[in-house]
Every structure is written in C-alpha cells, then in structure tokens.
Protein backbone atom coordinates (compact mmCIF):
# COMPACT_ATOMS: atom_id res chain seq x y z
CA MET A 1 203.73 162.90 52.16
CA LYS A 2 201.18 165.70 52.04
CA TYR A 3 200.28 167.48 48.83
CA ILE A 4 198.17 170.59 48.57
CA CYS A 5 195.87 170.41 45.55
CA LEU A 6 194.60 173.80 44.46
CA GLY A 7 191.44 173.47 42.43
CA TYR A 8 190.76 176.27 39.96
CA PHE A 9 187.29 177.07 38.79
CA ASP A 10 185.91 178.87 35.75
CA GLU A 11 182.69 180.44 37.05
CA LYS A 12 181.46 181.29 33.54
CA LYS A 13 181.91 177.68 32.44
CA TRP A 14 180.06 176.52 35.57
CA GLU A 15 177.17 178.88 34.82
CA THR A 16 176.74 177.32 31.35
CA LEU A 17 175.90 173.97 32.96
CA SER A 18 172.29 173.14 33.71
CA GLU A 19 171.27 172.70 37.33
CA SER A 20 171.16 168.91 36.87
CA GLU A 21 174.64 168.93 35.29
CA GLN A 22 175.98 171.01 38.19
CA SER A 23 174.40 168.61 40.71
CA ALA A 24 175.76 165.56 38.90
CA LEU A 25 179.27 167.01 38.82
CA MET A 26 179.19 167.95 42.51
CA ASP A 27 177.86 164.49 43.42
CA ALA A 28 180.70 162.90 41.44
CA CYS A 29 183.28 165.14 43.15
CA PHE A 30 181.97 164.33 46.63
CA ALA A 31 181.81 160.61 45.78
CA TYR A 32 185.46 160.68 44.66
CA ASP A 33 186.41 162.56 47.84
CA ASP A 34 184.83 159.62 49.72
CA VAL A 35 187.00 157.21 47.70
CA LEU A 36 190.06 159.24 48.71
CA ARG A 37 188.94 159.17 52.37
CA GLU A 38 188.41 155.41 52.29
CA GLY A 39 191.92 154.95 50.87
CA GLY A 40 193.44 157.16 53.58
CA HIS A 41 194.44 159.84 51.06
CA PHE A 42 192.03 162.68 51.95
CA ALA A 43 193.66 164.74 54.71
CA GLY A 44 191.32 167.74 54.46
CA GLY A 45 189.92 170.33 52.15
CA GLU A 46 187.67 173.33 51.78
CA ALA A 47 185.70 174.91 49.00
CA LEU A 48 185.88 178.66 48.57
CA GLN A 49 183.06 181.07 47.92
CA THR A 50 183.03 182.95 44.63
CA ALA A 51 186.04 185.12 43.86
CA ARG A 52 183.65 188.09 43.89
CA ASN A 53 183.61 187.69 47.71
CA ALA A 54 187.41 187.82 47.98
CA THR A 55 189.44 190.51 49.70
CA THR A 56 193.11 190.97 48.82
CA LEU A 57 195.75 192.37 51.19
CA ARG A 58 198.85 193.88 49.65
CA TYR A 59 201.83 195.60 51.26
CA GLN A 60 202.56 198.89 49.49
CA LYS A 61 204.65 201.89 50.51
CA GLY A 62 205.03 200.72 54.09
CA LYS A 63 201.42 199.82 54.81
CA VAL A 64 198.80 197.18 54.11
CA VAL A 65 196.29 198.04 51.40
CA VAL A 66 192.94 196.22 51.32
CA THR A 67 191.23 195.66 47.96
CA ASP A 68 187.92 194.01 47.16
CA GLY A 69 188.08 191.04 44.86
CA PRO A 70 190.82 188.68 43.75
CA PHE A 71 194.28 189.88 42.82
CA ALA A 72 194.63 187.81 39.63
CA GLU A 73 192.89 188.90 36.47
CA THR A 74 192.09 185.49 35.05
CA LYS A 75 189.00 183.52 34.09
CA GLU A 76 189.98 180.67 36.42
CA GLN A 77 190.00 181.52 40.11
CA LEU A 78 190.97 179.39 43.07
CA GLY A 79 187.87 177.39 43.96
CA GLY A 80 189.14 175.26 46.82
CA ILE A 81 191.92 173.21 48.32
CA LEU A 82 192.29 169.52 48.97
CA ILE A 83 195.01 168.17 51.23
CA LEU A 84 196.12 164.81 49.91
CA GLU A 85 198.24 162.06 51.46
CA ALA A 86 200.25 160.35 48.72
CA ASN A 87 203.46 158.33 48.43
CA ASP A 88 205.05 160.79 46.00
CA LEU A 89 204.16 163.31 43.31
CA ASN A 90 203.38 160.62 40.73
CA HIS A 91 200.95 159.00 43.17
CA ALA A 92 199.32 162.41 43.86
CA ILE A 93 198.96 163.00 40.11
CA GLN A 94 197.46 159.55 39.65
CA LEU A 95 194.90 160.15 42.41
CA MET A 96 193.91 163.66 41.34
CA SER A 97 193.71 162.82 37.64
CA LYS A 98 190.61 160.78 38.49
CA HIS A 99 188.93 163.65 40.36
CA PRO A 100 185.81 164.83 38.49
CA GLY A 101 186.59 168.44 39.43
CA VAL A 102 189.27 168.43 36.72
CA LYS A 103 186.39 168.67 34.22
CA ILE A 104 185.51 172.19 35.41
CA GLY A 105 189.03 173.54 35.99
CA PRO A 106 192.65 172.58 36.54
CA PHE A 107 194.24 171.33 39.75
CA GLU A 108 197.68 172.54 40.78
CA ILE A 109 199.49 170.01 42.99
CA ARG A 110 202.27 171.16 45.31
CA PRO A 111 204.16 169.28 48.01
CA ALA A 112 203.35 170.67 51.46
CA GLU A 113 206.33 172.16 53.25
CA ASP A 114 207.12 170.80 56.70
CA LEU A 115 207.88 173.92 58.74
CA THR A 116 208.39 172.11 62.06
CA GLY A 117 212.14 172.80 62.17
CA MET A 118 211.75 176.45 61.13
CA ILE A 119 209.04 176.98 63.77
CA ARG A 120 211.23 175.49 66.51
CA GLU A 121 214.17 177.68 65.46
CA SER A 122 211.96 180.77 65.42
CA GLU A 123 210.56 179.92 68.86
CA ARG A 124 214.12 179.50 70.16
CA ARG A 125 215.22 182.85 68.70
CA ARG A 126 212.15 184.64 70.05
CA SER A 127 212.54 183.16 73.54
CA THR A 128 216.20 184.26 73.75
CA THR A 129 215.17 187.73 72.56
CA LYS A 130 212.58 187.97 75.36
CA GLU A 131 215.17 186.94 77.95
CA LYS A 132 217.48 189.87 77.08
C-alpha cells in the first residue's frame, strides 16, 4: 500500500544549524532514502523550495484569487513529500520513525487514495455527455 509522507520543516530551526550540521543531516536523510529504496519502500518524493516561494490559489466569490506565500500561518511549513510503499500504517510508521528528517520537523503519514474507480466512472460519465 502507498503512503504519502508529508515532511514539515521549521526554516528558523534549520537556520540555527551550522553548515556542517546541515550537511550532515542532509547526508543522513539521503542515506536513509537509499535504505528505503533498497528495501523497495521508496516510491518517489520531492523536496520543496522555501515557503517564501509559494503561491496559494483560493476560490473566493466566484473566482480564483492568487496570493503570494503559503496559506498557513505556522512556523512549520511543508518541506517535501515522500511516497512510501508499506504493508500497513504501522509498517509506514516504523519506517518513517527512523528517517533523520524527523529531527528537523514532523512527518504526517496518510494512506494514498486509489482513484482508479472514480476516474473510470468520471470518464464514462463524460463520454456519455459528449455523445448527447
């Protein structure tokens, strides 16, 4: 089963680390990602640029409003995602609890939703709409 692991990041905490501490932490994170790959558990992932580079889209009063920056006012911002293959939630927790990134911010683990059936139903509905 796939789990989406959302890694949160406290930029101020990161900035308090020395350059060598930052490098050591990143090396440990990448090394653990390699362990996950070797075990067949790493299904993908991406780091995100700073939240200062974010753009938020919001639907208000019948139109889309574009705002610079993140929507949430919090010290921890989403820093990246990791897609994990695990047997169940307990297995996902076990794997991610060893990830060095937990030292710099929390990980939220959510089961991925399989939308295959919903997509097929939507395609069927849309194709019958086009035929009319």
